[in-house]
Amino acid sequence: NHFEQNVDDLSGNKLVVLHLIGSHGPTYFRRYPDR
């Protein structure tokens, strides 16, 4: 969300780190939507 705006707010060469919740258990079923 707002990825482009976050990039625009940085200057020069840029590094964006995205830290996921990924496959964190034991509630794996909460890490993906029904579809």
All heavy atoms as atom14 arrays in JSON, in Angstrom:
{
  "sequence": "NHFEQNVDDLSGNKLVVLHLIGSHGPTYFRRYPDR",
  "atom14_mask": [
    [1, 1, 1, 1, 1, 1, 1, 1, 0, 0, 0, 0, 0, 0],
    [1, 1, 1, 1, 1, 1, 1, 1, 1, 1, 0, 0, 0, 0],
    [1, 1, 1, 1, 1, 1, 1, 1, 1, 1, 1, 0, 0, 0],
    [1, 1, 1, 1, 1, 1, 1, 1, 1, 0, 0, 0, 0, 0],
    [1, 1, 1, 1, 1, 1, 1, 1, 1, 0, 0, 0, 0, 0],
    [1, 1, 1, 1, 1, 1, 1, 1, 0, 0, 0, 0, 0, 0],
    [1, 1, 1, 1, 1, 1, 1, 0, 0, 0, 0, 0, 0, 0],
    [1, 1, 1, 1, 1, 1, 1, 1, 0, 0, 0, 0, 0, 0],
    [1, 1, 1, 1, 1, 1, 1, 1, 0, 0, 0, 0, 0, 0],
    [1, 1, 1, 1, 1, 1, 1, 1, 0, 0, 0, 0, 0, 0],
    [1, 1, 1, 1, 1, 1, 0, 0, 0, 0, 0, 0, 0, 0],
    [1, 1, 1, 1, 0, 0, 0, 0, 0, 0, 0, 0, 0, 0],
    [1, 1, 1, 1, 1, 1, 1, 1, 0, 0, 0, 0, 0, 0],
    [1, 1, 1, 1, 1, 1, 1, 1, 1, 0, 0, 0, 0, 0],
    [1, 1, 1, 1, 1, 1, 1, 1, 0, 0, 0, 0, 0, 0],
    [1, 1, 1, 1, 1, 1, 1, 0, 0, 0, 0, 0, 0, 0],
    [1, 1, 1, 1, 1, 1, 1, 0, 0, 0, 0, 0, 0, 0],
    [1, 1, 1, 1, 1, 1, 1, 1, 0, 0, 0, 0, 0, 0],
    [1, 1, 1, 1, 1, 1, 1, 1, 1, 1, 0, 0, 0, 0],
    [1, 1, 1, 1, 1, 1, 1, 1, 0, 0, 0, 0, 0, 0],
    [1, 1, 1, 1, 1, 1, 1, 1, 0, 0, 0, 0, 0, 0],
    [1, 1, 1, 1, 0, 0, 0, 0, 0, 0, 0, 0, 0, 0],
    [1, 1, 1, 1, 1, 1, 0, 0, 0, 0, 0, 0, 0, 0],
    [1, 1, 1, 1, 1, 1, 1, 1, 1, 1, 0, 0, 0, 0],
    [1, 1, 1, 1, 0, 0, 0, 0, 0, 0, 0, 0, 0, 0],
    [1, 1, 1, 1, 1, 1, 1, 0, 0, 0, 0, 0, 0, 0],
    [1, 1, 1, 1, 1, 1, 1, 0, 0, 0, 0, 0, 0, 0],
    [1, 1, 1, 1, 1, 1, 1, 1, 1, 1, 1, 1, 0, 0],
    [1, 1, 1, 1, 1, 1, 1, 1, 1, 1, 1, 0, 0, 0],
    [1, 1, 1, 1, 1, 1, 1, 1, 1, 1, 1, 0, 0, 0],
    [1, 1, 1, 1, 1, 1, 1, 1, 1, 1, 1, 0, 0, 0],
    [1, 1, 1, 1, 1, 1, 1, 1, 1, 1, 1, 1, 0, 0],
    [1, 1, 1, 1, 1, 1, 1, 0, 0, 0, 0, 0, 0, 0],
    [1, 1, 1, 1, 1, 1, 1, 1, 0, 0, 0, 0, 0, 0],
    [1, 1, 1, 1, 1, 1, 1, 1, 1, 1, 1, 0, 0, 0]
  ],
  "atom14_positions": [
    [[0.84, -1.2, 0.0], [0.0, 0.0, 0.0], [0.88, 1.25, 0.0], [1.83, 1.35, 0.79], [-0.91, 0.02, 1.23], [-2.05, -0.98, 1.11], [-2.32, -1.5, 0.03], [-2.71, -1.25, 2.22], [0.0, 0.0, 0.0], [0.0, 0.0, 0.0], [0.0, 0.0, 0.0], [0.0, 0.0, 0.0], [0.0, 0.0, 0.0], [0.0, 0.0, 0.0]],
    [[0.57, 2.2, -0.88], [1.32, 3.46, -0.97], [2.8, 3.23, -1.32], [3.65, 4.03, -0.95], [1.21, 4.26, 0.33], [-0.18, 4.36, 0.88], [-1.19, 4.99, 0.2], [-0.73, 3.9, 2.04], [-2.31, 4.91, 0.92], [-2.05, 4.26, 2.03], [0.0, 0.0, 0.0], [0.0, 0.0, 0.0], [0.0, 0.0, 0.0], [0.0, 0.0, 0.0]],
    [[3.08, 2.15, -2.05], [4.46, 1.85, -2.38], [5.11, 2.98, -3.17], [6.22, 3.42, -2.85], [4.52, 0.54, -3.19], [5.92, 0.13, -3.6], [6.75, -0.53, -2.72], [6.41, 0.43, -4.88], [8.03, -0.91, -3.08], [7.68, 0.07, -5.26], [8.5, -0.61, -4.36], [0.0, 0.0, 0.0], [0.0, 0.0, 0.0], [0.0, 0.0, 0.0]],
    [[4.44, 3.45, -4.2], [5.02, 4.5, -5.05], [5.27, 5.78, -4.25], [6.3, 6.44, -4.42], [4.1, 4.79, -6.23], [3.97, 3.64, -7.22], [2.98, 2.57, -6.78], [2.39, 2.72, -5.67], [2.8, 1.58, -7.5], [0.0, 0.0, 0.0], [0.0, 0.0, 0.0], [0.0, 0.0, 0.0], [0.0, 0.0, 0.0], [0.0, 0.0, 0.0]],
    [[4.32, 6.11, -3.34], [4.49, 7.3, -2.53], [5.67, 7.15, -1.57], [6.46, 8.09, -1.38], [3.22, 7.58, -1.73], [3.27, 8.84, -0.87], [3.48, 10.08, -1.71], [2.73, 10.31, -2.66], [4.49, 10.89, -1.39], [0.0, 0.0, 0.0], [0.0, 0.0, 0.0], [0.0, 0.0, 0.0], [0.0, 0.0, 0.0], [0.0, 0.0, 0.0]],
    [[5.82, 5.98, -1.01], [6.96, 5.73, -0.11], [8.28, 5.87, -0.86], [9.26, 6.4, -0.32], [6.85, 4.33, 0.5], [5.78, 4.24, 1.57], [5.58, 5.18, 2.34], [5.09, 3.12, 1.62], [0.0, 0.0, 0.0], [0.0, 0.0, 0.0], [0.0, 0.0, 0.0], [0.0, 0.0, 0.0], [0.0, 0.0, 0.0], [0.0, 0.0, 0.0]],
    [[8.31, 5.38, -2.1], [9.53, 5.51, -2.91], [9.81, 6.98, -3.21], [10.95, 7.45, -3.11], [9.4, 4.69, -4.21], [10.55, 5.02, -5.17], [9.38, 3.2, -3.9], [0.0, 0.0, 0.0], [0.0, 0.0, 0.0], [0.0, 0.0, 0.0], [0.0, 0.0, 0.0], [0.0, 0.0, 0.0], [0.0, 0.0, 0.0], [0.0, 0.0, 0.0]],
    [[8.77, 7.72, -3.57], [8.94, 9.14, -3.9], [9.45, 9.94, -2.71], [10.14, 10.95, -2.88], [7.62, 9.73, -4.39], [7.25, 9.25, -5.79], [8.15, 8.75, -6.5], [6.06, 9.36, -6.17], [0.0, 0.0, 0.0], [0.0, 0.0, 0.0], [0.0, 0.0, 0.0], [0.0, 0.0, 0.0], [0.0, 0.0, 0.0], [0.0, 0.0, 0.0]],
    [[9.11, 9.51, -1.5], [9.53, 10.23, -0.3], [11.01, 10.03, 0.02], [11.56, 10.72, 0.88], [8.69, 9.79, 0.91], [7.25, 10.28, 0.82], [6.99, 11.21, 0.05], [6.39, 9.7, 1.52], [0.0, 0.0, 0.0], [0.0, 0.0, 0.0], [0.0, 0.0, 0.0], [0.0, 0.0, 0.0], [0.0, 0.0, 0.0], [0.0, 0.0, 0.0]],
    [[11.64, 9.06, -0.66], [13.08, 8.83, -0.49], [13.83, 9.61, -1.57], [13.26, 10.02, -2.58], [13.39, 7.34, -0.59], [12.67, 6.41, 0.41], [12.99, 4.96, 0.11], [13.03, 6.76, 1.84], [0.0, 0.0, 0.0], [0.0, 0.0, 0.0], [0.0, 0.0, 0.0], [0.0, 0.0, 0.0], [0.0, 0.0, 0.0], [0.0, 0.0, 0.0]],
    [[15.12, 9.78, -1.36], [15.93, 10.52, -2.33], [17.18, 9.74, -2.7], [17.65, 8.89, -1.95], [16.33, 11.89, -1.75], [17.08, 11.72, -0.56], [0.0, 0.0, 0.0], [0.0, 0.0, 0.0], [0.0, 0.0, 0.0], [0.0, 0.0, 0.0], [0.0, 0.0, 0.0], [0.0, 0.0, 0.0], [0.0, 0.0, 0.0], [0.0, 0.0, 0.0]],
    [[17.72, 10.07, -3.9], [18.95, 9.43, -4.35], [18.76, 7.95, -4.61], [17.68, 7.49, -5.01], [0.0, 0.0, 0.0], [0.0, 0.0, 0.0], [0.0, 0.0, 0.0], [0.0, 0.0, 0.0], [0.0, 0.0, 0.0], [0.0, 0.0, 0.0], [0.0, 0.0, 0.0], [0.0, 0.0, 0.0], [0.0, 0.0, 0.0], [0.0, 0.0, 0.0]],
    [[19.83, 7.17, -4.41], [19.71, 5.71, -4.49], [18.92, 5.24, -3.27], [19.11, 5.73, -2.16], [21.1, 5.07, -4.51], [21.82, 5.35, -5.82], [21.21, 5.42, -6.89], [23.14, 5.52, -5.74], [0.0, 0.0, 0.0], [0.0, 0.0, 0.0], [0.0, 0.0, 0.0], [0.0, 0.0, 0.0], [0.0, 0.0, 0.0], [0.0, 0.0, 0.0]],
    [[18.05, 4.24, -3.49], [17.07, 3.9, -2.46], [17.05, 2.4, -2.17], [17.17, 1.58, -3.07], [15.68, 4.35, -2.92], [15.63, 5.82, -3.34], [14.29, 6.23, -3.92], [14.33, 7.69, -4.37], [13.01, 8.17, -4.85], [0.0, 0.0, 0.0], [0.0, 0.0, 0.0], [0.0, 0.0, 0.0], [0.0, 0.0, 0.0], [0.0, 0.0, 0.0]],
    [[16.87, 2.09, -0.88], [16.68, 0.71, -0.44], [15.4, 0.66, 0.38], [15.26, 1.36, 1.38], [17.86, 0.23, 0.4], [17.66, -1.14, 1.09], [17.53, -2.26, 0.05], [18.81, -1.44, 2.05], [0.0, 0.0, 0.0], [0.0, 0.0, 0.0], [0.0, 0.0, 0.0], [0.0, 0.0, 0.0], [0.0, 0.0, 0.0], [0.0, 0.0, 0.0]],
    [[14.46, -0.19, -0.05], [13.23, -0.41, 0.69], [13.24, -1.85, 1.21], [13.39, -2.79, 0.42], [11.98, -0.18, -0.19], [10.71, -0.49, 0.59], [11.95, 1.26, -0.71], [0.0, 0.0, 0.0], [0.0, 0.0, 0.0], [0.0, 0.0, 0.0], [0.0, 0.0, 0.0], [0.0, 0.0, 0.0], [0.0, 0.0, 0.0], [0.0, 0.0, 0.0]],
    [[13.12, -2.01, 2.52], [13.09, -3.34, 3.13], [11.66, -3.64, 3.54], [11.03, -2.85, 4.26], [14.02, -3.42, 4.35], [14.04, -4.85, 4.9], [15.43, -2.97, 4.0], [0.0, 0.0, 0.0], [0.0, 0.0, 0.0], [0.0, 0.0, 0.0], [0.0, 0.0, 0.0], [0.0, 0.0, 0.0], [0.0, 0.0, 0.0], [0.0, 0.0, 0.0]],
    [[11.13, -4.77, 3.1], [9.79, -5.22, 3.45], [9.91, -6.48, 4.3], [10.39, -7.51, 3.81], [8.96, -5.51, 2.19], [8.84, -4.36, 1.18], [8.05, -4.83, -0.05], [8.19, -3.14, 1.8], [0.0, 0.0, 0.0], [0.0, 0.0, 0.0], [0.0, 0.0, 0.0], [0.0, 0.0, 0.0], [0.0, 0.0, 0.0], [0.0, 0.0, 0.0]],
    [[9.53, -6.39, 5.56], [9.63, -7.55, 6.46], [8.27, -8.24, 6.55], [7.33, -7.71, 7.12], [10.1, -7.1, 7.85], [10.41, -8.24, 8.77], [10.52, -8.1, 10.14], [10.64, -9.56, 8.52], [10.8, -9.27, 10.68], [10.87, -10.17, 9.72], [0.0, 0.0, 0.0], [0.0, 0.0, 0.0], [0.0, 0.0, 0.0], [0.0, 0.0, 0.0]],
    [[8.19, -9.42, 5.98], [6.93, -10.16, 5.89], [6.58, -10.88, 7.18], [7.46, -11.22, 7.98], [7.01, -11.2, 4.76], [7.48, -10.77, 3.38], [7.37, -11.95, 2.42], [6.7, -9.58, 2.86], [0.0, 0.0, 0.0], [0.0, 0.0, 0.0], [0.0, 0.0, 0.0], [0.0, 0.0, 0.0], [0.0, 0.0, 0.0], [0.0, 0.0, 0.0]],
    [[5.29, -11.2, 7.32], [4.86, -12.18, 8.31], [4.88, -13.57, 7.67], [4.9, -14.58, 8.35], [3.48, -11.85, 8.89], [3.24, -12.62, 10.18], [2.36, -12.11, 7.88], [2.04, -12.16, 10.98], [0.0, 0.0, 0.0], [0.0, 0.0, 0.0], [0.0, 0.0, 0.0], [0.0, 0.0, 0.0], [0.0, 0.0, 0.0], [0.0, 0.0, 0.0]],
    [[4.86, -13.58, 6.35], [5.16, -14.77, 5.55], [4.42, -16.03, 5.91], [3.22, -16.16, 5.69], [0.0, 0.0, 0.0], [0.0, 0.0, 0.0], [0.0, 0.0, 0.0], [0.0, 0.0, 0.0], [0.0, 0.0, 0.0], [0.0, 0.0, 0.0], [0.0, 0.0, 0.0], [0.0, 0.0, 0.0], [0.0, 0.0, 0.0], [0.0, 0.0, 0.0]],
    [[5.15, -17.0, 6.45], [4.59, -18.32, 6.77], [4.63, -18.59, 8.27], [4.77, -19.73, 8.7], [5.37, -19.41, 6.02], [5.36, -19.19, 4.64], [0.0, 0.0, 0.0], [0.0, 0.0, 0.0], [0.0, 0.0, 0.0], [0.0, 0.0, 0.0], [0.0, 0.0, 0.0], [0.0, 0.0, 0.0], [0.0, 0.0, 0.0], [0.0, 0.0, 0.0]],
    [[4.51, -17.53, 9.04], [4.62, -17.68, 10.5], [3.48, -18.55, 11.03], [2.31, -18.3, 10.77], [4.58, -16.29, 11.15], [5.12, -16.29, 12.55], [4.49, -16.94, 13.59], [6.22, -15.72, 13.09], [5.18, -16.78, 14.7], [6.24, -16.03, 14.42], [0.0, 0.0, 0.0], [0.0, 0.0, 0.0], [0.0, 0.0, 0.0], [0.0, 0.0, 0.0]],
    [[3.83, -19.58, 11.76], [2.85, -20.48, 12.34], [2.62, -20.19, 13.81], [3.19, -19.24, 14.36], [0.0, 0.0, 0.0], [0.0, 0.0, 0.0], [0.0, 0.0, 0.0], [0.0, 0.0, 0.0], [0.0, 0.0, 0.0], [0.0, 0.0, 0.0], [0.0, 0.0, 0.0], [0.0, 0.0, 0.0], [0.0, 0.0, 0.0], [0.0, 0.0, 0.0]],
    [[1.79, -20.98, 14.46], [1.11, -22.15, 13.88], [-0.15, -21.82, 13.09], [-0.72, -22.7, 12.47], [0.76, -22.97, 15.13], [0.54, -21.94, 16.19], [1.56, -20.86, 15.9], [0.0, 0.0, 0.0], [0.0, 0.0, 0.0], [0.0, 0.0, 0.0], [0.0, 0.0, 0.0], [0.0, 0.0, 0.0], [0.0, 0.0, 0.0], [0.0, 0.0, 0.0]],
    [[-0.57, -20.56, 13.11], [-1.81, -20.19, 12.41], [-1.5, -19.84, 10.95], [-1.71, -18.72, 10.5], [-2.49, -19.0, 13.1], [-1.53, -17.96, 13.29], [-3.06, -19.41, 14.45], [0.0, 0.0, 0.0], [0.0, 0.0, 0.0], [0.0, 0.0, 0.0], [0.0, 0.0, 0.0], [0.0, 0.0, 0.0], [0.0, 0.0, 0.0], [0.0, 0.0, 0.0]],
    [[-1.0, -20.84, 10.22], [-0.65, -20.62, 8.81], [-1.86, -20.12, 8.01], [-1.71, -19.33, 7.08], [-0.13, -21.92, 8.19], [1.03, -22.55, 8.92], [0.89, -23.76, 9.58], [2.27, -21.91, 8.97], [1.95, -24.34, 10.26], [3.33, -22.48, 9.65], [3.17, -23.7, 10.29], [4.22, -24.27, 10.98], [0.0, 0.0, 0.0], [0.0, 0.0, 0.0]],
    [[-3.06, -20.59, 8.36], [-4.25, -20.26, 7.59], [-4.57, -18.76, 7.62], [-5.32, -18.27, 6.78], [-5.46, -21.05, 8.11], [-5.9, -20.68, 9.5], [-6.95, -19.79, 9.7], [-5.27, -21.22, 10.61], [-7.37, -19.46, 10.98], [-5.67, -20.88, 11.9], [-6.72, -20.0, 12.08], [0.0, 0.0, 0.0], [0.0, 0.0, 0.0], [0.0, 0.0, 0.0]],
    [[-3.99, -18.03, 8.57], [-4.22, -16.59, 8.63], [-3.26, -15.8, 7.76], [-3.36, -14.58, 7.69], [-4.09, -16.11, 10.09], [-5.21, -16.59, 11.0], [-5.02, -16.07, 12.4], [-6.1, -16.51, 13.28], [-6.06, -16.46, 14.6], [-4.98, -15.99, 15.2], [-7.07, -16.88, 15.34], [0.0, 0.0, 0.0], [0.0, 0.0, 0.0], [0.0, 0.0, 0.0]],
    [[-2.35, -16.46, 7.08], [-1.34, -15.76, 6.29], [-1.75, -15.59, 4.83], [-1.0, -15.03, 4.05], [0.0, -16.52, 6.36], [0.47, -16.84, 7.76], [0.67, -15.61, 8.61], [0.89, -15.98, 10.01], [0.25, -15.43, 11.01], [-0.64, -14.48, 10.8], [0.5, -15.8, 12.25], [0.0, 0.0, 0.0], [0.0, 0.0, 0.0], [0.0, 0.0, 0.0]],
    [[-2.91, -16.1, 4.45], [-3.37, -15.96, 3.07], [-4.89, -15.8, 3.06], [-5.59, -16.33, 3.93], [-2.98, -17.18, 2.23], [-3.35, -18.52, 2.83], [-4.58, -19.12, 2.55], [-2.48, -19.2, 3.68], [-4.93, -20.34, 3.08], [-2.82, -20.42, 4.23], [-4.04, -20.99, 3.93], [-4.39, -22.2, 4.47], [0.0, 0.0, 0.0], [0.0, 0.0, 0.0]],
    [[-5.42, -15.04, 2.11], [-6.87, -14.86, 2.0], [-7.52, -16.12, 1.43], [-6.86, -17.0, 0.88], [-7.01, -13.67, 1.06], [-5.77, -13.71, 0.22], [-4.68, -14.25, 1.11], [0.0, 0.0, 0.0], [0.0, 0.0, 0.0], [0.0, 0.0, 0.0], [0.0, 0.0, 0.0], [0.0, 0.0, 0.0], [0.0, 0.0, 0.0], [0.0, 0.0, 0.0]],
    [[-8.84, -16.18, 1.54], [-9.57, -17.37, 1.09], [-9.33, -17.68, -0.39], [-9.27, -18.85, -0.78], [-11.07, -17.2, 1.34], [-11.43, -17.31, 2.81], [-10.59, -17.83, 3.57], [-12.52, -16.85, 3.2], [0.0, 0.0, 0.0], [0.0, 0.0, 0.0], [0.0, 0.0, 0.0], [0.0, 0.0, 0.0], [0.0, 0.0, 0.0], [0.0, 0.0, 0.0]],
    [[-9.19, -16.65, -1.2], [-9.01, -16.92, -2.64], [-7.65, -17.53, -2.96], [-7.43, -17.99, -4.08], [-9.24, -15.65, -3.45], [-8.21, -14.56, -3.25], [-8.67, -13.28, -3.93], [-7.69, -12.2, -3.84], [-6.76, -11.95, -4.76], [-6.7, -12.71, -5.85], [-5.92, -10.96, -4.61], [0.0, 0.0, 0.0], [0.0, 0.0, 0.0], [0.0, 0.0, 0.0]]
  ]
}
